[in-house]
Amino acid sequence: MVMWSQEGSVPRARISPGIVIDQTNISVLILLCLRPARHNPSEKNADASKHLIPLIYNTQTNTVARRSSGADDDASNATTVLSNISEQYSLTNEPALWPAIYSLAHNFTVQR
């Protein structure tokens, strides 16, 4: 989400993780922010960056997808994970959203 604020005469945009539900209550935009819990400065290749993954959860089809493809290295991996989870849960009554978030977080921690 982009939050606009006014500082003097200059408008400023600030990105804030959160959720947005459309007016039909069908699609939910979720901004998932993943970052390492601990950063060890002694590790030369340690990545302390965070990854913001915009997700769209469709409540009618019970599917989770990435909002945009993005240009980061994890984009194709996240897209594959979300596709597999959505396919697995699309025919069940269990929401696909929580297993999708769990899988993304698990893959993020395993890769780091």
PDB file of N, CA and C in Angstrom:
ATOM      1  N   MET A   1       0.840  -1.164   0.000  1.00  0.00           N
ATOM      2  CA  MET A   1       0.000   0.000   0.000  1.00  0.00           C
ATOM      3  C   MET A   1       0.885   1.226   0.000  1.00  0.00           C
ATOM      4  N   VAL A   2       0.441   2.216  -0.683  1.00  0.00           N
ATOM      5  CA  VAL A   2       1.159   3.481  -0.674  1.00  0.00           C
ATOM      6  C   VAL A   2       0.342   4.464   0.143  1.00  0.00           C
ATOM      7  N   MET A   3       0.956   4.973   1.172  1.00  0.00           N
ATOM      8  CA  MET A   3       0.305   5.949   2.039  1.00  0.00           C
ATOM      9  C   MET A   3       0.881   7.316   1.689  1.00  0.00           C
ATOM     10  N   TRP A   4       0.021   8.277   1.429  1.00  0.00           N
ATOM     11  CA  TRP A   4       0.466   9.629   1.106  1.00  0.00           C
ATOM     12  C   TRP A   4       0.332  10.515   2.323  1.00  0.00           C
ATOM     13  N   SER A   5       1.350  11.325   2.564  1.00  0.00           N
ATOM     14  CA  SER A   5       1.297  12.294   3.653  1.00  0.00           C
ATOM     15  C   SER A   5       1.832  13.621   3.138  1.00  0.00           C
ATOM     16  N   GLN A   6       1.491  14.664   3.823  1.00  0.00           N
ATOM     17  CA  GLN A   6       1.910  16.001   3.423  1.00  0.00           C
ATOM     18  C   GLN A   6       2.970  16.499   4.391  1.00  0.00           C
ATOM     19  N   GLU A   7       4.145  16.817   3.882  1.00  0.00           N
ATOM     20  CA  GLU A   7       5.201  17.432   4.687  1.00  0.00           C
ATOM     21  C   GLU A   7       5.424  18.828   4.135  1.00  0.00           C
ATOM     22  N   GLY A   8       4.855  19.818   4.808  1.00  0.00           N
ATOM     23  CA  GLY A   8       4.909  21.180   4.282  1.00  0.00           C
ATOM     24  C   GLY A   8       4.073  21.251   3.024  1.00  0.00           C
ATOM     25  N   SER A   9       4.682  21.658   1.924  1.00  0.00           N
ATOM     26  CA  SER A   9       3.956  21.719   0.655  1.00  0.00           C
ATOM     27  C   SER A   9       4.293  20.540  -0.255  1.00  0.00           C
ATOM     28  N   VAL A  10       5.098  19.606   0.255  1.00  0.00           N
ATOM     29  CA  VAL A  10       5.553  18.474  -0.562  1.00  0.00           C
ATOM     30  C   VAL A  10       4.842  17.189  -0.131  1.00  0.00           C
ATOM     31  N   PRO A  11       4.075  16.551  -1.054  1.00  0.00           N
ATOM     32  CA  PRO A  11       3.471  15.259  -0.708  1.00  0.00           C
ATOM     33  C   PRO A  11       4.536  14.160  -0.721  1.00  0.00           C
ATOM     34  N   ARG A  12       4.478  13.257   0.235  1.00  0.00           N
ATOM     35  CA  ARG A  12       5.440  12.156   0.343  1.00  0.00           C
ATOM     36  C   ARG A  12       4.690  10.827   0.292  1.00  0.00           C
ATOM     37  N   ALA A  13       5.275   9.862  -0.418  1.00  0.00           N
ATOM     38  CA  ALA A  13       4.702   8.519  -0.479  1.00  0.00           C
ATOM     39  C   ALA A  13       5.486   7.612   0.449  1.00  0.00           C
ATOM     40  N   ARG A  14       4.768   6.762   1.165  1.00  0.00           N
ATOM     41  CA  ARG A  14       5.412   5.811   2.064  1.00  0.00           C
ATOM     42  C   ARG A  14       4.756   4.456   1.824  1.00  0.00           C
ATOM     43  N   ILE A  15       5.559   3.436   1.583  1.00  0.00           N
ATOM     44  CA  ILE A  15       5.022   2.093   1.375  1.00  0.00           C
ATOM     45  C   ILE A  15       4.851   1.436   2.730  1.00  0.00           C
ATOM     46  N   SER A  16       3.679   0.876   2.958  1.00  0.00           N
ATOM     47  CA  SER A  16       3.373   0.257   4.239  1.00  0.00           C
ATOM     48  C   SER A  16       2.780  -1.128   4.004  1.00  0.00           C
ATOM     49  N   PRO A  17       3.394  -2.191   4.559  1.00  0.00           N
ATOM     50  CA  PRO A  17       2.810  -3.526   4.410  1.00  0.00           C
ATOM     51  C   PRO A  17       1.429  -3.589   5.049  1.00  0.00           C
ATOM     52  N   GLY A  18       0.548  -4.352   4.453  1.00  0.00           N
ATOM     53  CA  GLY A  18      -0.796  -4.500   4.983  1.00  0.00           C
ATOM     54  C   GLY A  18      -1.671  -5.267   4.026  1.00  0.00           C
ATOM     55  N   ILE A  19      -2.986  -5.125   4.203  1.00  0.00           N
ATOM     56  CA  ILE A  19      -3.926  -5.800   3.326  1.00  0.00           C
ATOM     57  C   ILE A  19      -4.961  -4.807   2.818  1.00  0.00           C
ATOM     58  N   VAL A  20      -5.479  -5.089   1.624  1.00  0.00           N
ATOM     59  CA  VAL A  20      -6.552  -4.305   1.030  1.00  0.00           C
ATOM     60  C   VAL A  20      -7.551  -5.295   0.457  1.00  0.00           C
ATOM     61  N   ILE A  21      -8.823  -5.114   0.794  1.00  0.00           N
ATOM     62  CA  ILE A  21      -9.890  -5.981   0.283  1.00  0.00           C
ATOM     63  C   ILE A  21     -10.699  -5.167  -0.716  1.00  0.00           C
ATOM     64  N   ASP A  22     -10.982  -5.759  -1.892  1.00  0.00           N
ATOM     65  CA  ASP A  22     -11.746  -5.014  -2.889  1.00  0.00           C
ATOM     66  C   ASP A  22     -13.206  -4.874  -2.457  1.00  0.00           C
ATOM     67  N   GLN A  23     -13.958  -4.046  -3.174  1.00  0.00           N
ATOM     68  CA  GLN A  23     -15.336  -3.751  -2.790  1.00  0.00           C
ATOM     69  C   GLN A  23     -16.262  -4.952  -2.896  1.00  0.00           C
ATOM     70  N   THR A  24     -15.911  -5.932  -3.718  1.00  0.00           N
ATOM     71  CA  THR A  24     -16.755  -7.117  -3.879  1.00  0.00           C
ATOM     72  C   THR A  24     -16.416  -8.215  -2.877  1.00  0.00           C
ATOM     73  N   ASN A  25     -15.401  -7.986  -2.049  1.00  0.00           N
ATOM     74  CA  ASN A  25     -14.932  -8.976  -1.064  1.00  0.00           C
ATOM     75  C   ASN A  25     -14.483 -10.282  -1.713  1.00  0.00           C
ATOM     76  N   ILE A  26     -13.951 -10.190  -2.924  1.00  0.00           N
ATOM     77  CA  ILE A  26     -13.473 -11.381  -3.630  1.00  0.00           C
ATOM     78  C   ILE A  26     -11.950 -11.447  -3.624  1.00  0.00           C
ATOM     79  N   SER A  27     -11.300 -10.351  -3.944  1.00  0.00           N
ATOM     80  CA  SER A  27      -9.838 -10.331  -4.020  1.00  0.00           C
ATOM     81  C   SER A  27      -9.248  -9.570  -2.844  1.00  0.00           C
ATOM     82  N   VAL A  28      -8.189 -10.138  -2.283  1.00  0.00           N
ATOM     83  CA  VAL A  28      -7.501  -9.526  -1.153  1.00  0.00           C
ATOM     84  C   VAL A  28      -6.042  -9.320  -1.552  1.00  0.00           C
ATOM     85  N   LEU A  29      -5.583  -8.080  -1.477  1.00  0.00           N
ATOM     86  CA  LEU A  29      -4.177  -7.772  -1.728  1.00  0.00           C
ATOM     87  C   LEU A  29      -3.456  -7.805  -0.392  1.00  0.00           C
ATOM     88  N   ILE A  30      -2.416  -8.625  -0.308  1.00  0.00           N
ATOM     89  CA  ILE A  30      -1.635  -8.760   0.920  1.00  0.00           C
ATOM     90  C   ILE A  30      -0.182  -8.462   0.589  1.00  0.00           C
ATOM     91  N   LEU A  31       0.402  -7.527   1.298  1.00  0.00           N
ATOM     92  CA  LEU A  31       1.822  -7.228   1.123  1.00  0.00           C
ATOM     93  C   LEU A  31       2.581  -7.976   2.205  1.00  0.00           C
ATOM     94  N   LEU A  32       3.249  -9.042   1.806  1.00  0.00           N
ATOM     95  CA  LEU A  32       3.998  -9.893   2.721  1.00  0.00           C
ATOM     96  C   LEU A  32       5.453  -9.442   2.728  1.00  0.00           C
ATOM     97  N   CYS A  33       5.956  -9.119   3.896  1.00  0.00           N
ATOM     98  CA  CYS A  33       7.339  -8.673   4.039  1.00  0.00           C
ATOM     99  C   CYS A  33       8.127  -9.757   4.770  1.00  0.00           C
ATOM    100  N   LEU A  34       9.125 -10.318   4.094  1.00  0.00           N
ATOM    101  CA  LEU A  34       9.979 -11.340   4.692  1.00  0.00           C
ATOM    102  C   LEU A  34      11.372 -10.764   4.871  1.00  0.00           C
ATOM    103  N   ARG A  35      11.913 -10.930   6.052  1.00  0.00           N
ATOM    104  CA  ARG A  35      13.287 -10.486   6.307  1.00  0.00           C
ATOM    105  C   ARG A  35      13.886 -11.395   7.366  1.00  0.00           C
ATOM    106  N   PRO A  36      15.211 -11.544   7.375  1.00  0.00           N
ATOM    107  CA  PRO A  36      15.851 -12.400   8.374  1.00  0.00           C
ATOM    108  C   PRO A  36      15.562 -11.892   9.786  1.00  0.00           C
ATOM    109  N   ALA A  37      15.354 -12.828  10.707  1.00  0.00           N
ATOM    110  CA  ALA A  37      15.109 -12.458  12.106  1.00  0.00           C
ATOM    111  C   ALA A  37      16.384 -11.946  12.755  1.00  0.00           C
ATOM    112  N   ARG A  38      17.501 -12.526  12.376  1.00  0.00           N
ATOM    113  CA  ARG A  38      18.794 -12.123  12.944  1.00  0.00           C
ATOM    114  C   ARG A  38      19.773 -11.856  11.817  1.00  0.00           C
ATOM    115  N   HIS A  39      20.598 -10.864  12.011  1.00  0.00           N
ATOM    116  CA  HIS A  39      21.649 -10.555  11.039  1.00  0.00           C
ATOM    117  C   HIS A  39      22.988 -10.688  11.745  1.00  0.00           C
ATOM    118  N   ASN A  40      23.853 -11.526  11.211  1.00  0.00           N
ATOM    119  CA  ASN A  40      25.171 -11.733  11.779  1.00  0.00           C
ATOM    120  C   ASN A  40      26.183 -10.950  10.941  1.00  0.00           C
ATOM    121  N   PRO A  41      26.674  -9.819  11.440  1.00  0.00           N
ATOM    122  CA  PRO A  41      27.609  -9.007  10.654  1.00  0.00           C
ATOM    123  C   PRO A  41      28.924  -9.712  10.344  1.00  0.00           C
ATOM    124  N   SER A  42      29.262 -10.769  11.084  1.00  0.00           N
ATOM    125  CA  SER A  42      30.517 -11.478  10.818  1.00  0.00           C
ATOM    126  C   SER A  42      30.430 -12.335   9.556  1.00  0.00           C
ATOM    127  N   GLU A  43      29.207 -12.652   9.102  1.00  0.00           N
ATOM    128  CA  GLU A  43      29.055 -13.404   7.863  1.00  0.00           C
ATOM    129  C   GLU A  43      29.195 -12.441   6.691  1.00  0.00           C
ATOM    130  N   LYS A  44      30.183 -12.703   5.843  1.00  0.00           N
ATOM    131  CA  LYS A  44      30.465 -11.779   4.743  1.00  0.00           C
ATOM    132  C   LYS A  44      29.328 -11.710   3.733  1.00  0.00           C
ATOM    133  N   ASN A  45      28.705 -12.834   3.451  1.00  0.00           N
ATOM    134  CA  ASN A  45      27.657 -12.868   2.435  1.00  0.00           C
ATOM    135  C   ASN A  45      26.256 -12.835   3.037  1.00  0.00           C
ATOM    136  N   ALA A  46      26.130 -12.433   4.282  1.00  0.00           N
ATOM    137  CA  ALA A  46      24.814 -12.401   4.929  1.00  0.00           C
ATOM    138  C   ALA A  46      23.939 -11.339   4.277  1.00  0.00           C
ATOM    139  N   ASP A  47      22.705 -11.712   4.014  1.00  0.00           N
ATOM    140  CA  ASP A  47      21.753 -10.801   3.381  1.00  0.00           C
ATOM    141  C   ASP A  47      20.760 -10.320   4.429  1.00  0.00           C
ATOM    142  N   ALA A  48      20.841  -9.050   4.785  1.00  0.00           N
ATOM    143  CA  ALA A  48      19.938  -8.485   5.789  1.00  0.00           C
ATOM    144  C   ALA A  48      18.763  -7.772   5.134  1.00  0.00           C
ATOM    145  N   SER A  49      18.649  -7.898   3.825  1.00  0.00           N
ATOM    146  CA  SER A  49      17.577  -7.198   3.128  1.00  0.00           C
ATOM    147  C   SER A  49      16.237  -7.873   3.369  1.00  0.00           C
ATOM    148  N   LYS A  50      15.197  -7.124   3.094  1.00  0.00           N
ATOM    149  CA  LYS A  50      13.862  -7.688   3.217  1.00  0.00           C
ATOM    150  C   LYS A  50      13.282  -7.869   1.825  1.00  0.00           C
ATOM    151  N   HIS A  51      12.337  -8.770   1.720  1.00  0.00           N
ATOM    152  CA  HIS A  51      11.681  -9.036   0.448  1.00  0.00           C
ATOM    153  C   HIS A  51      10.201  -8.754   0.616  1.00  0.00           C
ATOM    154  N   LEU A  52       9.679  -7.866  -0.205  1.00  0.00           N
ATOM    155  CA  LEU A  52       8.268  -7.522  -0.180  1.00  0.00           C
ATOM    156  C   LEU A  52       7.591  -8.271  -1.314  1.00  0.00           C
ATOM    157  N   ILE A  53       6.654  -9.136  -0.970  1.00  0.00           N
ATOM    158  CA  ILE A  53       5.972  -9.959  -1.960  1.00  0.00           C
ATOM    159  C   ILE A  53       4.494  -9.571  -1.965  1.00  0.00           C
ATOM    160  N   PRO A  54       4.018  -8.924  -3.046  1.00  0.00           N
ATOM    161  CA  PRO A  54       2.597  -8.595  -3.131  1.00  0.00           C
ATOM    162  C   PRO A  54       1.800  -9.820  -3.585  1.00  0.00           C
ATOM    163  N   LEU A  55       0.859 -10.248  -2.764  1.00  0.00           N
ATOM    164  CA  LEU A  55       0.045 -11.428  -3.057  1.00  0.00           C
ATOM    165  C   LEU A  55      -1.400 -11.024  -3.307  1.00  0.00           C
ATOM    166  N   ILE A  56      -2.071 -11.754  -4.188  1.00  0.00           N
ATOM    167  CA  ILE A  56      -3.506 -11.597  -4.399  1.00  0.00           C
ATOM    168  C   ILE A  56      -4.157 -12.924  -4.023  1.00  0.00           C
ATOM    169  N   TYR A  57      -5.056 -12.870  -3.034  1.00  0.00           N
ATOM    170  CA  TYR A  57      -5.813 -14.062  -2.638  1.00  0.00           C
ATOM    171  C   TYR A  57      -7.235 -13.899  -3.147  1.00  0.00           C
ATOM    172  N   ASN A  58      -7.696 -14.841  -3.965  1.00  0.00           N
ATOM    173  CA  ASN A  58      -9.050 -14.826  -4.492  1.00  0.00           C
ATOM    174  C   ASN A  58      -9.899 -15.738  -3.624  1.00  0.00           C
ATOM    175  N   THR A  59     -10.880 -15.170  -2.937  1.00  0.00           N
ATOM    176  CA  THR A  59     -11.693 -15.947  -1.995  1.00  0.00           C
ATOM    177  C   THR A  59     -12.670 -16.879  -2.700  1.00  0.00           C
ATOM    178  N   GLN A  60     -13.033 -16.587  -3.956  1.00  0.00           N
ATOM    179  CA  GLN A  60     -13.964 -17.462  -4.675  1.00  0.00           C
ATOM    180  C   GLN A  60     -13.277 -18.698  -5.230  1.00  0.00           C
ATOM    181  N   THR A  61     -12.090 -18.520  -5.802  1.00  0.00           N
ATOM    182  CA  THR A  61     -11.385 -19.661  -6.394  1.00  0.00           C
ATOM    183  C   THR A  61     -10.385 -20.293  -5.435  1.00  0.00           C
ATOM    184  N   ASN A  62     -10.180 -19.669  -4.259  1.00  0.00           N
ATOM    185  CA  ASN A  62      -9.244 -20.165  -3.249  1.00  0.00           C
ATOM    186  C   ASN A  62      -7.835 -20.309  -3.822  1.00  0.00           C
ATOM    187  N   THR A  63      -7.397 -19.276  -4.539  1.00  0.00           N
ATOM    188  CA  THR A  63      -6.062 -19.292  -5.133  1.00  0.00           C
ATOM    189  C   THR A  63      -5.257 -18.091  -4.646  1.00  0.00           C
ATOM    190  N   VAL A  64      -3.945 -18.279  -4.609  1.00  0.00           N
ATOM    191  CA  VAL A  64      -3.015 -17.220  -4.225  1.00  0.00           C
ATOM    192  C   VAL A  64      -2.034 -17.043  -5.380  1.00  0.00           C
ATOM    193  N   ALA A  65      -1.824 -15.801  -5.784  1.00  0.00           N
ATOM    194  CA  ALA A  65      -0.892 -15.512  -6.875  1.00  0.00           C
ATOM    195  C   ALA A  65      -0.093 -14.266  -6.529  1.00  0.00           C
ATOM    196  N   ARG A  66       1.015 -14.123  -7.209  1.00  0.00           N
ATOM    197  CA  ARG A  66       1.834 -12.925  -7.061  1.00  0.00           C
ATOM    198  C   ARG A  66       1.183 -11.803  -7.846  1.00  0.00           C
ATOM    199  N   ARG A  67       1.131 -10.618  -7.274  1.00  0.00           N
ATOM    200  CA  ARG A  67       0.469  -9.487  -7.944  1.00  0.00           C
ATOM    201  C   ARG A  67       1.218  -9.073  -9.199  1.00  0.00           C
ATOM    202  N   SER A  68       2.516  -8.985  -9.118  1.00  0.00           N
ATOM    203  CA  SER A  68       3.323  -8.630 -10.284  1.00  0.00           C
ATOM    204  C   SER A  68       4.534  -9.538 -10.311  1.00  0.00           C
ATOM    205  N   SER A  69       5.071  -9.722 -11.493  1.00  0.00           N
ATOM    206  CA  SER A  69       6.191 -10.658 -11.622  1.00  0.00           C
ATOM    207  C   SER A  69       7.455 -10.144 -10.951  1.00  0.00           C
ATOM    208  N   GLY A  70       7.691  -8.839 -10.988  1.00  0.00           N
ATOM    209  CA  GLY A  70       8.887  -8.284 -10.345  1.00  0.00           C
ATOM    210  C   GLY A  70      10.151  -8.700 -11.073  1.00  0.00           C
ATOM    211  N   ALA A  71      11.253  -8.113 -10.679  1.00  0.00           N
ATOM    212  CA  ALA A  71      12.525  -8.404 -11.340  1.00  0.00           C
ATOM    213  C   ALA A  71      13.519  -9.082 -10.405  1.00  0.00           C
ATOM    214  N   ASP A  72      13.085  -9.413  -9.181  1.00  0.00           N
ATOM    215  CA  ASP A  72      14.038  -9.999  -8.233  1.00  0.00           C
ATOM    216  C   ASP A  72      14.260 -11.484  -8.508  1.00  0.00           C
ATOM    217  N   ASP A  73      15.319 -12.028  -7.934  1.00  0.00           N
ATOM    218  CA  ASP A  73      15.707 -13.415  -8.172  1.00  0.00           C
ATOM    219  C   ASP A  73      14.683 -14.408  -7.639  1.00  0.00           C
ATOM    220  N   ASP A  74      13.980 -14.060  -6.577  1.00  0.00           N
ATOM    221  CA  ASP A  74      13.041 -14.980  -5.947  1.00  0.00           C
ATOM    222  C   ASP A  74      11.684 -14.997  -6.633  1.00  0.00           C
ATOM    223  N   ALA A  75      11.479 -14.171  -7.648  1.00  0.00           N
ATOM    224  CA  ALA A  75      10.163 -14.050  -8.277  1.00  0.00           C
ATOM    225  C   ALA A  75       9.684 -15.374  -8.857  1.00  0.00           C
ATOM    226  N   SER A  76      10.530 -16.062  -9.618  1.00  0.00           N
ATOM    227  CA  SER A  76      10.087 -17.304 -10.245  1.00  0.00           C
ATOM    228  C   SER A  76       9.860 -18.390  -9.208  1.00  0.00           C
ATOM    229  N   ASN A  77      10.687 -18.426  -8.167  1.00  0.00           N
ATOM    230  CA  ASN A  77      10.510 -19.408  -7.107  1.00  0.00           C
ATOM    231  C   ASN A  77       9.202 -19.157  -6.359  1.00  0.00           C
ATOM    232  N   ALA A  78       8.911 -17.918  -6.027  1.00  0.00           N
ATOM    233  CA  ALA A  78       7.671 -17.579  -5.324  1.00  0.00           C
ATOM    234  C   ALA A  78       6.467 -17.897  -6.197  1.00  0.00           C
ATOM    235  N   THR A  79       6.558 -17.607  -7.483  1.00  0.00           N
ATOM    236  CA  THR A  79       5.457 -17.886  -8.400  1.00  0.00           C
ATOM    237  C   THR A  79       5.193 -19.383  -8.480  1.00  0.00           C
ATOM    238  N   THR A  80       6.241 -20.179  -8.535  1.00  0.00           N
ATOM    239  CA  THR A  80       6.096 -21.635  -8.580  1.00  0.00           C
ATOM    240  C   THR A  80       5.482 -22.167  -7.300  1.00  0.00           C
ATOM    241  N   VAL A  81       5.956 -21.699  -6.160  1.00  0.00           N
ATOM    242  CA  VAL A  81       5.418 -22.130  -4.862  1.00  0.00           C
ATOM    243  C   VAL A  81       3.937 -21.799  -4.777  1.00  0.00           C
ATOM    244  N   LEU A  82       3.578 -20.572  -5.141  1.00  0.00           N
ATOM    245  CA  LEU A  82       2.176 -20.150  -5.065  1.00  0.00           C
ATOM    246  C   LEU A  82       1.293 -20.942  -6.020  1.00  0.00           C
ATOM    247  N   SER A  83       1.803 -21.223  -7.196  1.00  0.00           N
ATOM    248  CA  SER A  83       1.045 -22.009  -8.167  1.00  0.00           C
ATOM    249  C   SER A  83       0.782 -23.418  -7.650  1.00  0.00           C
ATOM    250  N   ASN A  84       1.817 -24.053  -7.087  1.00  0.00           N
ATOM    251  CA  ASN A  84       1.657 -25.408  -6.548  1.00  0.00           C
ATOM    252  C   ASN A  84       0.671 -25.451  -5.385  1.00  0.00           C
ATOM    253  N   ILE A  85       0.776 -24.498  -4.471  1.00  0.00           N
ATOM    254  CA  ILE A  85      -0.133 -24.447  -3.321  1.00  0.00           C
ATOM    255  C   ILE A  85      -1.560 -24.197  -3.786  1.00  0.00           C
ATOM    256  N   SER A  86      -1.747 -23.249  -4.698  1.00  0.00           N
ATOM    257  CA  SER A  86      -3.088 -22.929  -5.190  1.00  0.00           C
ATOM    258  C   SER A  86      -3.723 -24.128  -5.872  1.00  0.00           C
ATOM    259  N   GLU A  87      -2.936 -24.843  -6.660  1.00  0.00           N
ATOM    260  CA  GLU A  87      -3.454 -26.037  -7.331  1.00  0.00           C
ATOM    261  C   GLU A  87      -3.849 -27.104  -6.313  1.00  0.00           C
ATOM    262  N   GLN A  88      -3.025 -27.291  -5.302  1.00  0.00           N
ATOM    263  CA  GLN A  88      -3.279 -28.306  -4.279  1.00  0.00           C
ATOM    264  C   GLN A  88      -4.542 -27.998  -3.470  1.00  0.00           C
ATOM    265  N   TYR A  89      -4.783 -26.728  -3.142  1.00  0.00           N
ATOM    266  CA  TYR A  89      -5.892 -26.361  -2.263  1.00  0.00           C
ATOM    267  C   TYR A  89      -7.127 -25.846  -2.996  1.00  0.00           C
ATOM    268  N   SER A  90      -7.089 -25.711  -4.317  1.00  0.00           N
ATOM    269  CA  SER A  90      -8.201 -25.108  -5.048  1.00  0.00           C
ATOM    270  C   SER A  90      -9.495 -25.913  -4.950  1.00  0.00           C
ATOM    271  N   LEU A  91      -9.401 -27.207  -4.766  1.00  0.00           N
ATOM    272  CA  LEU A  91     -10.603 -28.045  -4.708  1.00  0.00           C
ATOM    273  C   LEU A  91     -11.010 -28.424  -3.290  1.00  0.00           C
ATOM    274  N   THR A  92     -10.366 -27.852  -2.300  1.00  0.00           N
ATOM    275  CA  THR A  92     -10.696 -28.170  -0.907  1.00  0.00           C
ATOM    276  C   THR A  92     -11.400 -26.987  -0.254  1.00  0.00           C
ATOM    277  N   ASN A  93     -11.907 -27.201   0.936  1.00  0.00           N
ATOM    278  CA  ASN A  93     -12.528 -26.117   1.697  1.00  0.00           C
ATOM    279  C   ASN A  93     -11.518 -25.385   2.565  1.00  0.00           C
ATOM    280  N   GLU A  94     -10.288 -25.871   2.620  1.00  0.00           N
ATOM    281  CA  GLU A  94      -9.250 -25.231   3.430  1.00  0.00           C
ATOM    282  C   GLU A  94      -8.636 -24.068   2.653  1.00  0.00           C
ATOM    283  N   PRO A  95      -8.527 -22.887   3.271  1.00  0.00           N
ATOM    284  CA  PRO A  95      -7.945 -21.741   2.567  1.00  0.00           C
ATOM    285  C   PRO A  95      -6.490 -21.999   2.167  1.00  0.00           C
ATOM    286  N   ALA A  96      -6.140 -21.612   0.950  1.00  0.00           N
ATOM    287  CA  ALA A  96      -4.777 -21.794   0.439  1.00  0.00           C
ATOM    288  C   ALA A  96      -3.830 -20.708   0.934  1.00  0.00           C
ATOM    289  N   LEU A  97      -4.369 -19.649   1.507  1.00  0.00           N
ATOM    290  CA  LEU A  97      -3.553 -18.498   1.886  1.00  0.00           C
ATOM    291  C   LEU A  97      -2.491 -18.835   2.922  1.00  0.00           C
ATOM    292  N   TRP A  98      -2.874 -19.486   4.011  1.00  0.00           N
ATOM    293  CA  TRP A  98      -1.915 -19.748   5.102  1.00  0.00           C
ATOM    294  C   TRP A  98      -0.841 -20.752   4.705  1.00  0.00           C
ATOM    295  N   PRO A  99      -1.162 -21.858   4.009  1.00  0.00           N
ATOM    296  CA  PRO A  99      -0.076 -22.732   3.531  1.00  0.00           C
ATOM    297  C   PRO A  99       0.857 -22.019   2.544  1.00  0.00           C
ATOM    298  N   ALA A 100       0.313 -21.104   1.746  1.00  0.00           N
ATOM    299  CA  ALA A 100       1.152 -20.363   0.798  1.00  0.00           C
ATOM    300  C   ALA A 100       2.134 -19.461   1.538  1.00  0.00           C
ATOM    301  N   ILE A 101       1.650 -18.741   2.539  1.00  0.00           N
ATOM    302  CA  ILE A 101       2.527 -17.859   3.319  1.00  0.00           C
ATOM    303  C   ILE A 101       3.568 -18.678   4.074  1.00  0.00           C
ATOM    304  N   TYR A 102       3.149 -19.794   4.649  1.00  0.00           N
ATOM    305  CA  TYR A 102       4.084 -20.669   5.362  1.00  0.00           C
ATOM    306  C   TYR A 102       5.178 -21.169   4.412  1.00  0.00           C
ATOM    307  N   SER A 103       4.792 -21.607   3.221  1.00  0.00           N
ATOM    308  CA  SER A 103       5.770 -22.122   2.254  1.00  0.00           C
ATOM    309  C   SER A 103       6.745 -21.040   1.805  1.00  0.00           C
ATOM    310  N   LEU A 104       6.239 -19.833   1.561  1.00  0.00           N
ATOM    311  CA  LEU A 104       7.133 -18.733   1.175  1.00  0.00           C
ATOM    312  C   LEU A 104       8.116 -18.413   2.294  1.00  0.00           C
ATOM    313  N   ALA A 105       7.619 -18.350   3.529  1.00  0.00           N
ATOM    314  CA  ALA A 105       8.499 -18.057   4.670  1.00  0.00           C
ATOM    315  C   ALA A 105       9.519 -19.169   4.870  1.00  0.00           C
ATOM    316  N   HIS A 106       9.078 -20.423   4.730  1.00  0.00           N
ATOM    317  CA  HIS A 106       9.988 -21.564   4.892  1.00  0.00           C
ATOM    318  C   HIS A 106      11.077 -21.531   3.817  1.00  0.00           C
ATOM    319  N   ASN A 107      10.696 -21.309   2.569  1.00  0.00           N
ATOM    320  CA  ASN A 107      11.684 -21.239   1.487  1.00  0.00           C
ATOM    321  C   ASN A 107      12.647 -20.079   1.688  1.00  0.00           C
ATOM    322  N   PHE A 108      12.155 -18.964   2.209  1.00  0.00           N
ATOM    323  CA  PHE A 108      13.012 -17.806   2.466  1.00  0.00           C
ATOM    324  C   PHE A 108      14.057 -18.138   3.527  1.00  0.00           C
ATOM    325  N   THR A 109      13.656 -18.814   4.610  1.00  0.00           N
ATOM    326  CA  THR A 109      14.605 -19.134   5.678  1.00  0.00           C
ATOM    327  C   THR A 109      15.579 -20.221   5.255  1.00  0.00           C
ATOM    328  N   VAL A 110      15.134 -21.174   4.447  1.00  0.00           N
ATOM    329  CA  VAL A 110      16.023 -22.248   3.990  1.00  0.00           C
ATOM    330  C   VAL A 110      17.079 -21.694   3.041  1.00  0.00           C
ATOM    331  N   GLN A 111      16.692 -20.754   2.172  1.00  0.00           N
ATOM    332  CA  GLN A 111      17.636 -20.181   1.208  1.00  0.00           C
ATOM    333  C   GLN A 111      18.643 -19.263   1.869  1.00  0.00           C
ATOM    334  N   ARG A 112      18.329 -18.685   2.999  1.00  0.00           N
ATOM    335  CA  ARG A 112      19.218 -17.727   3.665  1.00  0.00           C
ATOM    336  C   ARG A 112      20.179 -18.468   4.492  1.00  0.00           C
TER     337      ARG A 112
END
